[in-house]
Amino acid sequence: MPKRYSYSDILAMTNCFQDKLGEGGFGSVYKGYLPGGSSIAVKILGNSKFSGKEFINEVSTIGRIRHDNVVHLVGFCSEGSNQALVYEYMPNGSLDKHIFLKEGRVKSFGWEKLHEIALGTAQGIEYLHGGCDICILHFDIKPQNILLDHDFIPKISDFGLAKFYPKGYDFVSINTARGTIGYIAPELITQNFGAVSSKSDVYSFGMLLLEMAGGRRNVESKAKSSSKVYFPSWVYDHLSEGGDLELGNITEVEIEIARKLCIVGLWCIQMEPSDRPSMTKVIVMLEGNIDDLKLPPRPFFSSPQHVSIVEPQSDSSTELLLSGSQEESLYNNS
């Protein structure tokens, strides 16, 4: 179980919050060190939705998770209004820093490692859905919440929006939408598309795969060509017409990896949850041969006229990218 720390311990381990790593919708993250010298990341929760007892109960659930692709919760603090989570430190930061490169920067890894990261992330989500004592729906799968260790092994982080359910439930009850614009499954916005379930995380993972393959955000209003503003639409058209993905000077093996990530991603973002594969099936598809994959039907939202041009911004923690009353509603009900 995670170790309980006092607030004075937190102050000491972070040297009074000297080294800030990032900030998101649920608080700020600081680098720190355990008494033995091991590096940690400490998240100070700014507006916790939990009472002290609820917080400790949820921490105990997350603390029992042991998987190579889920970030390890080392400890916590719950002392009056002060609540903090202590995680293992991920030296290579979040995935978005490596796939959304600024001009002049070189990629940290090649296509084979990118495929390994996609597969590892899928295995982590599958474990959350079926490998724990209960089903954990993350509801905020995105590049900012995929952290990379010193070997670039991916670890799912940030359970601020997660829901916990007994295994065997076909769907779950959610009062309001939750997540980050650009990754939210349609059924989380309106029940017309079906029930909220583990397939909602599948949708988010599909959007993540497409961004990994494209090396860009799925919605990019400043794209040179209007057809490239919404990447899922552009990539579907190119794949269905047998065109290349315009990825530059890469090998045939790398082209196959890119095509595989795109095709699996397009299956995952089907509008009806029942049309999406389970995470177990996603893993089979990612591990399988590209020749065994068929292009899915065109997703309804893979047309630019159905897309609201909102570009998510990078953050190191969960942040709801909505405005005004929408953001307040999501945050208060998360």
C-alpha atoms as a PDB file:
ATOM      1  CA  MET A   1       0.000   0.000   0.000  1.00  0.00           C
ATOM      2  CA  PRO A   2       1.131   3.604  -0.543  1.00  0.00           C
ATOM      3  CA  LYS A   3       2.865   5.199   2.423  1.00  0.00           C
ATOM      4  CA  ARG A   4       1.126   8.013   4.257  1.00  0.00           C
ATOM      5  CA  TYR A   5       3.228  11.175   4.622  1.00  0.00           C
ATOM      6  CA  SER A   6       2.683  14.256   6.747  1.00  0.00           C
ATOM      7  CA  TYR A   7       2.536  17.668   5.119  1.00  0.00           C
ATOM      8  CA  SER A   8       5.888  18.506   6.715  1.00  0.00           C
ATOM      9  CA  ASP A   9       7.284  15.406   4.957  1.00  0.00           C
ATOM     10  CA  ILE A  10       5.962  16.728   1.643  1.00  0.00           C
ATOM     11  CA  LEU A  11       7.581  20.123   2.268  1.00  0.00           C
ATOM     12  CA  ALA A  12      10.891  18.463   3.086  1.00  0.00           C
ATOM     13  CA  MET A  13      10.840  16.082   0.110  1.00  0.00           C
ATOM     14  CA  THR A  14      10.099  18.891  -2.368  1.00  0.00           C
ATOM     15  CA  ASN A  15      12.367  21.442  -0.672  1.00  0.00           C
ATOM     16  CA  CYS A  16       9.300  23.642  -0.150  1.00  0.00           C
ATOM     17  CA  PHE A  17       8.089  23.110  -3.729  1.00  0.00           C
ATOM     18  CA  GLN A  18      11.250  24.450  -5.322  1.00  0.00           C
ATOM     19  CA  ASP A  19      11.195  22.478  -8.605  1.00  0.00           C
ATOM     20  CA  LYS A  20       7.826  22.759 -10.385  1.00  0.00           C
ATOM     21  CA  LEU A  21       7.286  20.221 -13.175  1.00  0.00           C
ATOM     22  CA  GLY A  22       3.885  21.350 -14.391  1.00  0.00           C
ATOM     23  CA  GLU A  23       0.355  22.416 -13.606  1.00  0.00           C
ATOM     24  CA  GLY A  24      -3.090  21.169 -14.590  1.00  0.00           C
ATOM     25  CA  GLY A  25      -6.743  21.303 -13.684  1.00  0.00           C
ATOM     26  CA  PHE A  26      -6.328  19.402 -10.406  1.00  0.00           C
ATOM     27  CA  GLY A  27      -3.159  20.916  -9.027  1.00  0.00           C
ATOM     28  CA  SER A  28       0.565  21.433  -9.479  1.00  0.00           C
ATOM     29  CA  VAL A  29       3.312  18.830  -9.780  1.00  0.00           C
ATOM     30  CA  TYR A  30       6.757  19.180  -8.180  1.00  0.00           C
ATOM     31  CA  LYS A  31       9.912  17.132  -8.282  1.00  0.00           C
ATOM     32  CA  GLY A  32      11.105  15.747  -4.976  1.00  0.00           C
ATOM     33  CA  TYR A  33      13.271  13.120  -3.359  1.00  0.00           C
ATOM     34  CA  LEU A  34      12.566  10.345  -0.886  1.00  0.00           C
ATOM     35  CA  PRO A  35      14.841  10.141   2.168  1.00  0.00           C
ATOM     36  CA  GLY A  36      16.837   7.410   0.389  1.00  0.00           C
ATOM     37  CA  GLY A  37      17.467   9.669  -2.596  1.00  0.00           C
ATOM     38  CA  SER A  38      14.969   8.253  -5.105  1.00  0.00           C
ATOM     39  CA  SER A  39      13.305  10.849  -7.339  1.00  0.00           C
ATOM     40  CA  ILE A  40       9.557  11.373  -7.018  1.00  0.00           C
ATOM     41  CA  ALA A  41       6.840  13.564  -8.518  1.00  0.00           C
ATOM     42  CA  VAL A  42       4.514  15.162  -5.978  1.00  0.00           C
ATOM     43  CA  LYS A  43       1.099  16.405  -7.062  1.00  0.00           C
ATOM     44  CA  ILE A  44      -0.439  18.958  -4.729  1.00  0.00           C
ATOM     45  CA  LEU A  45      -4.210  18.835  -5.198  1.00  0.00           C
ATOM     46  CA  GLY A  46      -5.608  22.329  -5.390  1.00  0.00           C
ATOM     47  CA  ASN A  47      -9.352  21.652  -5.462  1.00  0.00           C
ATOM     48  CA  SER A  48      -9.931  18.094  -4.368  1.00  0.00           C
ATOM     49  CA  LYS A  49     -13.365  16.598  -4.911  1.00  0.00           C
ATOM     50  CA  PHE A  50     -12.842  14.226  -1.968  1.00  0.00           C
ATOM     51  CA  SER A  51     -13.316  14.395   1.755  1.00  0.00           C
ATOM     52  CA  GLY A  52     -10.402  13.018   3.758  1.00  0.00           C
ATOM     53  CA  LYS A  53     -11.951   9.546   4.074  1.00  0.00           C
ATOM     54  CA  GLU A  54     -12.992   9.371   0.394  1.00  0.00           C
ATOM     55  CA  PHE A  55      -9.529  10.496  -0.662  1.00  0.00           C
ATOM     56  CA  ILE A  56      -7.828   7.746   1.349  1.00  0.00           C
ATOM     57  CA  ASN A  57     -10.269   5.121   0.017  1.00  0.00           C
ATOM     58  CA  GLU A  58      -9.529   6.120  -3.568  1.00  0.00           C
ATOM     59  CA  VAL A  59      -5.793   6.239  -2.906  1.00  0.00           C
ATOM     60  CA  SER A  60      -5.942   2.696  -1.546  1.00  0.00           C
ATOM     61  CA  THR A  61      -7.610   1.534  -4.783  1.00  0.00           C
ATOM     62  CA  ILE A  62      -5.065   3.207  -7.058  1.00  0.00           C
ATOM     63  CA  GLY A  63      -2.252   2.135  -4.747  1.00  0.00           C
ATOM     64  CA  ARG A  64      -3.020  -1.545  -5.345  1.00  0.00           C
ATOM     65  CA  ILE A  65      -2.362  -1.206  -9.079  1.00  0.00           C
ATOM     66  CA  ARG A  66       0.843  -2.958 -10.093  1.00  0.00           C
ATOM     67  CA  HIS A  67       1.532  -2.922 -13.818  1.00  0.00           C
ATOM     68  CA  ASP A  68       4.554  -1.979 -15.908  1.00  0.00           C
ATOM     69  CA  ASN A  69       2.475   0.500 -17.900  1.00  0.00           C
ATOM     70  CA  VAL A  70       0.688   2.281 -15.042  1.00  0.00           C
ATOM     71  CA  VAL A  71       2.539   4.869 -12.983  1.00  0.00           C
ATOM     72  CA  HIS A  72       3.249   3.667  -9.435  1.00  0.00           C
ATOM     73  CA  LEU A  73       1.713   5.587  -6.536  1.00  0.00           C
ATOM     74  CA  VAL A  74       4.396   5.705  -3.840  1.00  0.00           C
ATOM     75  CA  GLY A  75       2.461   7.559  -1.163  1.00  0.00           C
ATOM     76  CA  PHE A  76       0.008  10.288  -0.237  1.00  0.00           C
ATOM     77  CA  CYS A  77      -0.726  13.070   2.194  1.00  0.00           C
ATOM     78  CA  SER A  78      -4.112  13.909   3.676  1.00  0.00           C
ATOM     79  CA  GLU A  79      -3.767  16.444   6.445  1.00  0.00           C
ATOM     80  CA  GLY A  80      -6.639  18.872   6.839  1.00  0.00           C
ATOM     81  CA  SER A  81      -7.071  20.722   3.565  1.00  0.00           C
ATOM     82  CA  ASN A  82      -3.648  19.574   2.353  1.00  0.00           C
ATOM     83  CA  GLN A  83      -3.852  16.613  -0.011  1.00  0.00           C
ATOM     84  CA  ALA A  84      -1.018  15.306  -2.141  1.00  0.00           C
ATOM     85  CA  LEU A  85      -0.121  12.275  -4.233  1.00  0.00           C
ATOM     86  CA  VAL A  86       3.460  10.987  -4.424  1.00  0.00           C
ATOM     87  CA  TYR A  87       4.371   9.146  -7.638  1.00  0.00           C
ATOM     88  CA  GLU A  88       7.495   7.576  -9.071  1.00  0.00           C
ATOM     89  CA  TYR A  89       9.381  10.114 -11.164  1.00  0.00           C
ATOM     90  CA  MET A  90       9.340   9.740 -14.959  1.00  0.00           C
ATOM     91  CA  PRO A  91      12.581  11.324 -16.282  1.00  0.00           C
ATOM     92  CA  ASN A  92      11.459  11.527 -19.926  1.00  0.00           C
ATOM     93  CA  GLY A  93       8.297  13.454 -19.136  1.00  0.00           C
ATOM     94  CA  SER A  94       5.023  13.121 -20.986  1.00  0.00           C
ATOM     95  CA  LEU A  95       4.504  11.732 -24.492  1.00  0.00           C
ATOM     96  CA  ASP A  96       3.287  15.019 -25.972  1.00  0.00           C
ATOM     97  CA  LYS A  97       6.762  16.527 -25.530  1.00  0.00           C
ATOM     98  CA  HIS A  98       8.138  13.877 -27.894  1.00  0.00           C
ATOM     99  CA  ILE A  99       5.475  13.616 -30.608  1.00  0.00           C
ATOM    100  CA  PHE A 100       4.512  17.285 -30.965  1.00  0.00           C
ATOM    101  CA  LEU A 101       7.965  18.602 -31.795  1.00  0.00           C
ATOM    102  CA  LYS A 102       8.789  22.269 -32.055  1.00  0.00           C
ATOM    103  CA  GLU A 103      10.604  23.377 -35.172  1.00  0.00           C
ATOM    104  CA  GLY A 104      14.257  22.360 -35.130  1.00  0.00           C
ATOM    105  CA  ARG A 105      13.883  19.598 -32.535  1.00  0.00           C
ATOM    106  CA  VAL A 106      14.775  15.998 -33.360  1.00  0.00           C
ATOM    107  CA  LYS A 107      12.628  12.999 -32.407  1.00  0.00           C
ATOM    108  CA  SER A 108      13.690  11.202 -29.239  1.00  0.00           C
ATOM    109  CA  PHE A 109      12.960   7.775 -30.702  1.00  0.00           C
ATOM    110  CA  GLY A 110      12.129   5.986 -33.944  1.00  0.00           C
ATOM    111  CA  TRP A 111       9.000   4.311 -35.296  1.00  0.00           C
ATOM    112  CA  GLU A 112       9.685   0.945 -33.685  1.00  0.00           C
ATOM    113  CA  LYS A 113       9.900   2.555 -30.258  1.00  0.00           C
ATOM    114  CA  LEU A 114       6.751   4.550 -31.067  1.00  0.00           C
ATOM    115  CA  HIS A 115       4.989   1.255 -31.772  1.00  0.00           C
ATOM    116  CA  GLU A 116       6.268  -0.150 -28.461  1.00  0.00           C
ATOM    117  CA  ILE A 117       4.898   2.912 -26.649  1.00  0.00           C
ATOM    118  CA  ALA A 118       1.504   2.469 -28.338  1.00  0.00           C
ATOM    119  CA  LEU A 119       1.419  -1.222 -27.415  1.00  0.00           C
ATOM    120  CA  GLY A 120       2.526  -0.604 -23.825  1.00  0.00           C
ATOM    121  CA  THR A 121      -0.123   2.084 -23.371  1.00  0.00           C
ATOM    122  CA  ALA A 122      -2.781  -0.290 -24.727  1.00  0.00           C
ATOM    123  CA  GLN A 123      -1.647  -2.989 -22.296  1.00  0.00           C
ATOM    124  CA  GLY A 124      -1.888  -0.546 -19.412  1.00  0.00           C
ATOM    125  CA  ILE A 125      -5.446   0.443 -20.345  1.00  0.00           C
ATOM    126  CA  GLU A 126      -6.432  -3.208 -20.788  1.00  0.00           C
ATOM    127  CA  TYR A 127      -5.136  -3.915 -17.286  1.00  0.00           C
ATOM    128  CA  LEU A 128      -7.198  -1.065 -15.839  1.00  0.00           C
ATOM    129  CA  HIS A 129     -10.307  -2.401 -17.579  1.00  0.00           C
ATOM    130  CA  GLY A 130      -9.939  -6.052 -16.672  1.00  0.00           C
ATOM    131  CA  GLY A 131      -6.769  -6.896 -14.788  1.00  0.00           C
ATOM    132  CA  CYS A 132      -7.567  -5.237 -11.454  1.00  0.00           C
ATOM    133  CA  ASP A 133     -10.037  -6.306  -8.759  1.00  0.00           C
ATOM    134  CA  ILE A 134     -12.404  -3.701 -10.184  1.00  0.00           C
ATOM    135  CA  CYS A 135     -12.829  -2.029 -13.558  1.00  0.00           C
ATOM    136  CA  ILE A 136     -11.120   1.360 -13.723  1.00  0.00           C
ATOM    137  CA  LEU A 137     -12.233   3.717 -16.491  1.00  0.00           C
ATOM    138  CA  HIS A 138      -9.642   6.432 -16.939  1.00  0.00           C
ATOM    139  CA  PHE A 139     -11.653   8.951 -19.012  1.00  0.00           C
ATOM    140  CA  ASP A 140      -8.637  11.115 -19.856  1.00  0.00           C
ATOM    141  CA  ILE A 141      -6.308   9.136 -22.101  1.00  0.00           C
ATOM    142  CA  LYS A 142      -4.181  11.673 -23.973  1.00  0.00           C
ATOM    143  CA  PRO A 143      -0.464  12.272 -24.678  1.00  0.00           C
ATOM    144  CA  GLN A 144      -0.046  14.514 -21.618  1.00  0.00           C
ATOM    145  CA  ASN A 145      -1.124  11.644 -19.353  1.00  0.00           C
ATOM    146  CA  ILE A 146       1.256   9.067 -20.816  1.00  0.00           C
ATOM    147  CA  LEU A 147       4.554   9.389 -18.944  1.00  0.00           C
ATOM    148  CA  LEU A 148       7.859   7.872 -20.091  1.00  0.00           C
ATOM    149  CA  ASP A 149      10.511   6.355 -17.831  1.00  0.00           C
ATOM    150  CA  HIS A 150      14.260   6.350 -18.499  1.00  0.00           C
ATOM    151  CA  ASP A 151      13.822   3.586 -21.133  1.00  0.00           C
ATOM    152  CA  PHE A 152      10.817   5.341 -22.718  1.00  0.00           C
ATOM    153  CA  ILE A 153       8.466   2.709 -21.313  1.00  0.00           C
ATOM    154  CA  PRO A 154       5.000   4.328 -21.182  1.00  0.00           C
ATOM    155  CA  LYS A 155       3.051   4.592 -17.946  1.00  0.00           C
ATOM    156  CA  ILE A 156      -0.535   5.821 -17.682  1.00  0.00           C
ATOM    157  CA  SER A 157      -0.918   8.583 -15.130  1.00  0.00           C
ATOM    158  CA  ASP A 158      -3.421  11.020 -13.648  1.00  0.00           C
ATOM    159  CA  PHE A 159      -6.573   9.353 -12.361  1.00  0.00           C
ATOM    160  CA  GLY A 160      -8.330  12.602 -11.478  1.00  0.00           C
ATOM    161  CA  LEU A 161     -11.302  11.787 -13.729  1.00  0.00           C
ATOM    162  CA  ALA A 162     -11.300   8.004 -13.282  1.00  0.00           C
ATOM    163  CA  LYS A 163     -14.335   5.980 -12.246  1.00  0.00           C
ATOM    164  CA  PHE A 164     -14.235   2.636 -10.442  1.00  0.00           C
ATOM    165  CA  TYR A 165     -16.829  -0.067 -11.118  1.00  0.00           C
ATOM    166  CA  PRO A 166     -17.341  -3.744 -10.279  1.00  0.00           C
ATOM    167  CA  LYS A 167     -16.275  -6.070 -13.053  1.00  0.00           C
ATOM    168  CA  GLY A 168     -18.964  -7.296 -15.399  1.00  0.00           C
ATOM    169  CA  TYR A 169     -20.813  -3.994 -15.794  1.00  0.00           C
ATOM    170  CA  ASP A 170     -21.699  -3.460 -19.466  1.00  0.00           C
ATOM    171  CA  PHE A 171     -22.045   0.284 -18.987  1.00  0.00           C
ATOM    172  CA  VAL A 172     -21.631   2.924 -16.307  1.00  0.00           C
ATOM    173  CA  SER A 173     -23.646   5.935 -15.192  1.00  0.00           C
ATOM    174  CA  ILE A 174     -22.040   9.320 -15.767  1.00  0.00           C
ATOM    175  CA  ASN A 175     -23.915  12.536 -14.969  1.00  0.00           C
ATOM    176  CA  THR A 176     -21.823  14.906 -17.078  1.00  0.00           C
ATOM    177  CA  ALA A 177     -19.162  14.742 -19.778  1.00  0.00           C
ATOM    178  CA  ARG A 178     -15.591  14.443 -18.574  1.00  0.00           C
ATOM    179  CA  GLY A 179     -12.223  14.559 -20.250  1.00  0.00           C
ATOM    180  CA  THR A 180     -10.296  16.763 -22.654  1.00  0.00           C
ATOM    181  CA  ILE A 181     -11.723  18.178 -25.868  1.00  0.00           C
ATOM    182  CA  GLY A 182     -10.341  16.240 -28.817  1.00  0.00           C
ATOM    183  CA  TYR A 183     -10.241  12.927 -26.948  1.00  0.00           C
ATOM    184  CA  ILE A 184     -13.752  12.666 -25.443  1.00  0.00           C
ATOM    185  CA  ALA A 185     -15.884   9.801 -26.792  1.00  0.00           C
ATOM    186  CA  PRO A 186     -19.225  10.903 -28.335  1.00  0.00           C
ATOM    187  CA  GLU A 187     -21.324   8.948 -25.807  1.00  0.00           C
ATOM    188  CA  LEU A 188     -19.806  11.044 -23.015  1.00  0.00           C
ATOM    189  CA  ILE A 189     -21.368  14.103 -24.633  1.00  0.00           C
ATOM    190  CA  THR A 190     -24.746  12.682 -25.686  1.00  0.00           C
ATOM    191  CA  GLN A 191     -26.416   9.335 -25.012  1.00  0.00           C
ATOM    192  CA  ASN A 192     -27.595   9.228 -28.637  1.00  0.00           C
ATOM    193  CA  PHE A 193     -24.370   7.398 -29.482  1.00  0.00           C
ATOM    194  CA  GLY A 194     -24.751   4.698 -26.833  1.00  0.00           C
ATOM    195  CA  ALA A 195     -23.836   3.930 -23.254  1.00  0.00           C
ATOM    196  CA  VAL A 196     -20.650   4.997 -21.487  1.00  0.00           C
ATOM    197  CA  SER A 197     -18.345   2.028 -20.971  1.00  0.00           C
ATOM    198  CA  SER A 198     -14.739   0.890 -21.328  1.00  0.00           C
ATOM    199  CA  LYS A 199     -15.173   1.633 -25.047  1.00  0.00           C
ATOM    200  CA  SER A 200     -15.031   5.331 -24.097  1.00  0.00           C
ATOM    201  CA  ASP A 201     -11.354   4.890 -23.209  1.00  0.00           C
ATOM    202  CA  VAL A 202     -10.892   3.000 -26.484  1.00  0.00           C
ATOM    203  CA  TYR A 203     -12.068   6.092 -28.385  1.00  0.00           C
ATOM    204  CA  SER A 204      -9.575   8.320 -26.555  1.00  0.00           C
ATOM    205  CA  PHE A 205      -6.798   5.826 -27.229  1.00  0.00           C
ATOM    206  CA  GLY A 206      -7.674   5.861 -30.928  1.00  0.00           C
ATOM    207  CA  MET A 207      -7.304   9.642 -31.060  1.00  0.00           C
ATOM    208  CA  LEU A 208      -3.974   9.233 -29.266  1.00  0.00           C
ATOM    209  CA  LEU A 209      -2.776   6.649 -31.837  1.00  0.00           C
ATOM    210  CA  LEU A 210      -3.585   8.985 -34.729  1.00  0.00           C
ATOM    211  CA  GLU A 211      -1.619  11.800 -33.121  1.00  0.00           C
ATOM    212  CA  MET A 212       1.324   9.476 -32.549  1.00  0.00           C
ATOM    213  CA  ALA A 213       1.278   8.396 -36.203  1.00  0.00           C
ATOM    214  CA  GLY A 214       0.855  11.910 -37.563  1.00  0.00           C
ATOM    215  CA  GLY A 215       3.311  13.584 -35.192  1.00  0.00           C
ATOM    216  CA  ARG A 216       0.769  16.406 -34.847  1.00  0.00           C
ATOM    217  CA  ARG A 217      -2.464  17.218 -33.080  1.00  0.00           C
ATOM    218  CA  ASN A 218      -5.577  15.823 -34.708  1.00  0.00           C
ATOM    219  CA  VAL A 219      -7.025  19.320 -35.019  1.00  0.00           C
ATOM    220  CA  GLU A 220      -4.606  21.911 -36.375  1.00  0.00           C
ATOM    221  CA  SER A 221      -6.263  25.112 -37.552  1.00  0.00           C
ATOM    222  CA  LYS A 222      -2.976  26.466 -38.944  1.00  0.00           C
ATOM    223  CA  ALA A 223      -2.434  23.527 -41.301  1.00  0.00           C
ATOM    224  CA  LYS A 224      -1.077  24.537 -44.714  1.00  0.00           C
ATOM    225  CA  SER A 225      -3.925  22.760 -46.505  1.00  0.00           C
ATOM    226  CA  SER A 226      -7.591  22.921 -45.453  1.00  0.00           C
ATOM    227  CA  SER A 227      -7.853  19.152 -46.000  1.00  0.00           C
ATOM    228  CA  LYS A 228      -5.212  18.646 -43.297  1.00  0.00           C
ATOM    229  CA  VAL A 229      -6.958  20.669 -40.584  1.00  0.00           C
ATOM    230  CA  TYR A 230      -8.569  17.505 -39.174  1.00  0.00           C
ATOM    231  CA  PHE A 231      -6.020  14.690 -39.370  1.00  0.00           C
ATOM    232  CA  PRO A 232      -8.413  11.699 -38.953  1.00  0.00           C
ATOM    233  CA  SER A 233     -10.343  12.844 -42.032  1.00  0.00           C
ATOM    234  CA  TRP A 234      -7.201  13.414 -44.085  1.00  0.00           C
ATOM    235  CA  VAL A 235      -5.601  10.101 -43.123  1.00  0.00           C
ATOM    236  CA  TYR A 236      -8.804   8.146 -43.806  1.00  0.00           C
ATOM    237  CA  ASP A 237      -9.036   9.608 -47.310  1.00  0.00           C
ATOM    238  CA  HIS A 238      -5.390   8.791 -48.050  1.00  0.00           C
ATOM    239  CA  LEU A 239      -5.628   5.226 -46.764  1.00  0.00           C
ATOM    240  CA  SER A 240      -8.887   4.521 -48.600  1.00  0.00           C
ATOM    241  CA  GLU A 241      -7.390   5.860 -51.852  1.00  0.00           C
ATOM    242  CA  GLY A 242      -4.142   3.930 -51.432  1.00  0.00           C
ATOM    243  CA  GLY A 243      -2.054   7.068 -51.000  1.00  0.00           C
ATOM    244  CA  ASP A 244       0.986   7.499 -48.762  1.00  0.00           C
ATOM    245  CA  LEU A 245       0.939   9.358 -45.459  1.00  0.00           C
ATOM    246  CA  GLU A 246       3.545  11.947 -46.468  1.00  0.00           C
ATOM    247  CA  LEU A 247       5.831  11.051 -43.577  1.00  0.00           C
ATOM    248  CA  GLY A 248       9.095  11.894 -45.278  1.00  0.00           C
ATOM    249  CA  ASN A 249      12.080   9.646 -45.855  1.00  0.00           C
ATOM    250  CA  ILE A 250      11.231   6.518 -43.847  1.00  0.00           C
ATOM    251  CA  THR A 251      11.700   2.793 -44.505  1.00  0.00           C
ATOM    252  CA  GLU A 252       9.056   0.301 -45.626  1.00  0.00           C
ATOM    253  CA  VAL A 253       8.953  -1.156 -42.113  1.00  0.00           C
ATOM    254  CA  GLU A 254       8.324   2.291 -40.653  1.00  0.00           C
ATOM    255  CA  ILE A 255       5.618   2.977 -43.239  1.00  0.00           C
ATOM    256  CA  GLU A 256       3.871  -0.250 -42.160  1.00  0.00           C
ATOM    257  CA  ILE A 257       4.028   0.824 -38.516  1.00  0.00           C
ATOM    258  CA  ALA A 258       2.520   4.209 -39.365  1.00  0.00           C
ATOM    259  CA  ARG A 259      -0.267   2.615 -41.405  1.00  0.00           C
ATOM    260  CA  LYS A 260      -0.998   0.141 -38.610  1.00  0.00           C
ATOM    261  CA  LEU A 261      -1.266   2.890 -35.974  1.00  0.00           C
ATOM    262  CA  CYS A 262      -3.621   4.831 -38.250  1.00  0.00           C
ATOM    263  CA  ILE A 263      -5.880   1.900 -39.128  1.00  0.00           C
ATOM    264  CA  VAL A 264      -6.158   0.733 -35.515  1.00  0.00           C
ATOM    265  CA  GLY A 265      -6.782   4.341 -34.462  1.00  0.00           C
ATOM    266  CA  LEU A 266      -9.600   4.691 -37.001  1.00  0.00           C
ATOM    267  CA  TRP A 267     -11.244   1.507 -35.706  1.00  0.00           C
ATOM    268  CA  CYS A 268     -11.053   2.882 -32.169  1.00  0.00           C
ATOM    269  CA  ILE A 269     -12.785   6.172 -33.039  1.00  0.00           C
ATOM    270  CA  GLN A 270     -15.900   4.637 -34.577  1.00  0.00           C
ATOM    271  CA  MET A 271     -18.905   6.630 -33.411  1.00  0.00           C
ATOM    272  CA  GLU A 272     -20.917   3.708 -32.035  1.00  0.00           C
ATOM    273  CA  PRO A 273     -19.194   2.102 -29.006  1.00  0.00           C
ATOM    274  CA  SER A 274     -20.270  -1.355 -30.209  1.00  0.00           C
ATOM    275  CA  ASP A 275     -18.283  -0.819 -33.432  1.00  0.00           C
ATOM    276  CA  ARG A 276     -15.037  -0.187 -31.560  1.00  0.00           C
ATOM    277  CA  PRO A 277     -12.728  -3.051 -30.597  1.00  0.00           C
ATOM    278  CA  SER A 278     -12.044  -3.881 -26.952  1.00  0.00           C
ATOM    279  CA  MET A 279      -8.579  -3.044 -25.657  1.00  0.00           C
ATOM    280  CA  THR A 280      -7.772  -6.763 -25.785  1.00  0.00           C
ATOM    281  CA  LYS A 281      -8.594  -6.761 -29.506  1.00  0.00           C
ATOM    282  CA  VAL A 282      -6.625  -3.537 -29.980  1.00  0.00           C
ATOM    283  CA  ILE A 283      -3.529  -5.254 -28.580  1.00  0.00           C
ATOM    284  CA  VAL A 284      -4.023  -8.183 -30.988  1.00  0.00           C
ATOM    285  CA  MET A 285      -4.282  -5.714 -33.873  1.00  0.00           C
ATOM    286  CA  LEU A 286      -1.157  -3.818 -32.825  1.00  0.00           C
ATOM    287  CA  GLU A 287       0.824  -7.043 -32.448  1.00  0.00           C
ATOM    288  CA  GLY A 288      -0.496  -8.541 -35.694  1.00  0.00           C
ATOM    289  CA  ASN A 289       0.396  -8.216 -39.357  1.00  0.00           C
ATOM    290  CA  ILE A 290      -0.600  -5.063 -41.227  1.00  0.00           C
ATOM    291  CA  ASP A 291      -1.986  -7.253 -44.037  1.00  0.00           C
ATOM    292  CA  ASP A 292      -4.610  -8.632 -41.636  1.00  0.00           C
ATOM    293  CA  LEU A 293      -6.042  -5.165 -40.937  1.00  0.00           C
ATOM    294  CA  LYS A 294      -8.889  -3.778 -42.988  1.00  0.00           C
ATOM    295  CA  LEU A 295      -9.883  -0.140 -43.119  1.00  0.00           C
ATOM    296  CA  PRO A 296     -13.021   0.448 -41.006  1.00  0.00           C
ATOM    297  CA  PRO A 297     -16.118   2.386 -42.123  1.00  0.00           C
ATOM    298  CA  ARG A 298     -15.559   6.135 -42.199  1.00  0.00           C
ATOM    299  CA  PRO A 299     -16.141   7.614 -38.742  1.00  0.00           C
ATOM    300  CA  PHE A 300     -18.980  10.155 -38.804  1.00  0.00           C
ATOM    301  CA  PHE A 301     -16.795  12.829 -37.261  1.00  0.00           C
ATOM    302  CA  SER A 302     -13.976  12.295 -39.748  1.00  0.00           C
ATOM    303  CA  SER A 303     -15.443  15.119 -41.823  1.00  0.00           C
ATOM    304  CA  PRO A 304     -14.196  18.654 -41.099  1.00  0.00           C
ATOM    305  CA  GLN A 305     -17.707  20.155 -41.047  1.00  0.00           C
ATOM    306  CA  HIS A 306     -18.492  18.069 -37.961  1.00  0.00           C
ATOM    307  CA  VAL A 307     -15.435  19.241 -36.049  1.00  0.00           C
ATOM    308  CA  SER A 308     -15.185  22.197 -33.708  1.00  0.00           C
ATOM    309  CA  ILE A 309     -11.719  23.653 -34.229  1.00  0.00           C
ATOM    310  CA  VAL A 310     -10.363  23.624 -30.679  1.00  0.00           C
ATOM    311  CA  GLU A 311      -6.680  22.843 -30.347  1.00  0.00           C
ATOM    312  CA  PRO A 312      -5.697  21.223 -27.027  1.00  0.00           C
ATOM    313  CA  GLN A 313      -2.671  22.781 -25.397  1.00  0.00           C
ATOM    314  CA  SER A 314       0.088  20.789 -23.748  1.00  0.00           C
ATOM    315  CA  ASP A 315      -0.049  20.264 -20.018  1.00  0.00           C
ATOM    316  CA  SER A 316       1.638  17.926 -17.584  1.00  0.00           C
ATOM    317  CA  SER A 317      -1.513  17.104 -15.709  1.00  0.00           C
ATOM    318  CA  THR A 318      -5.226  16.688 -16.378  1.00  0.00           C
ATOM    319  CA  GLU A 319      -6.733  19.914 -17.666  1.00  0.00           C
ATOM    320  CA  LEU A 320     -10.213  20.331 -19.095  1.00  0.00           C
ATOM    321  CA  LEU A 321      -9.915  22.314 -22.270  1.00  0.00           C
ATOM    322  CA  LEU A 322     -13.324  23.938 -22.333  1.00  0.00           C
ATOM    323  CA  SER A 323     -14.407  27.479 -21.672  1.00  0.00           C
ATOM    324  CA  GLY A 324     -16.657  29.329 -19.260  1.00  0.00           C
ATOM    325  CA  SER A 325     -19.605  27.479 -17.747  1.00  0.00           C
ATOM    326  CA  GLN A 326     -18.736  24.249 -19.577  1.00  0.00           C
ATOM    327  CA  GLU A 327     -15.384  24.000 -17.842  1.00  0.00           C
ATOM    328  CA  GLU A 328     -16.874  24.808 -14.457  1.00  0.00           C
ATOM    329  CA  SER A 329     -19.601  22.183 -14.923  1.00  0.00           C
ATOM    330  CA  LEU A 330     -17.153  19.472 -15.911  1.00  0.00           C
ATOM    331  CA  TYR A 331     -14.723  20.313 -13.155  1.00  0.00           C
ATOM    332  CA  ASN A 332     -17.336  20.434 -10.414  1.00  0.00           C
ATOM    333  CA  ASN A 333     -18.842  17.106 -11.453  1.00  0.00           C
ATOM    334  CA  SER A 334     -15.611  15.249 -12.095  1.00  0.00           C
END
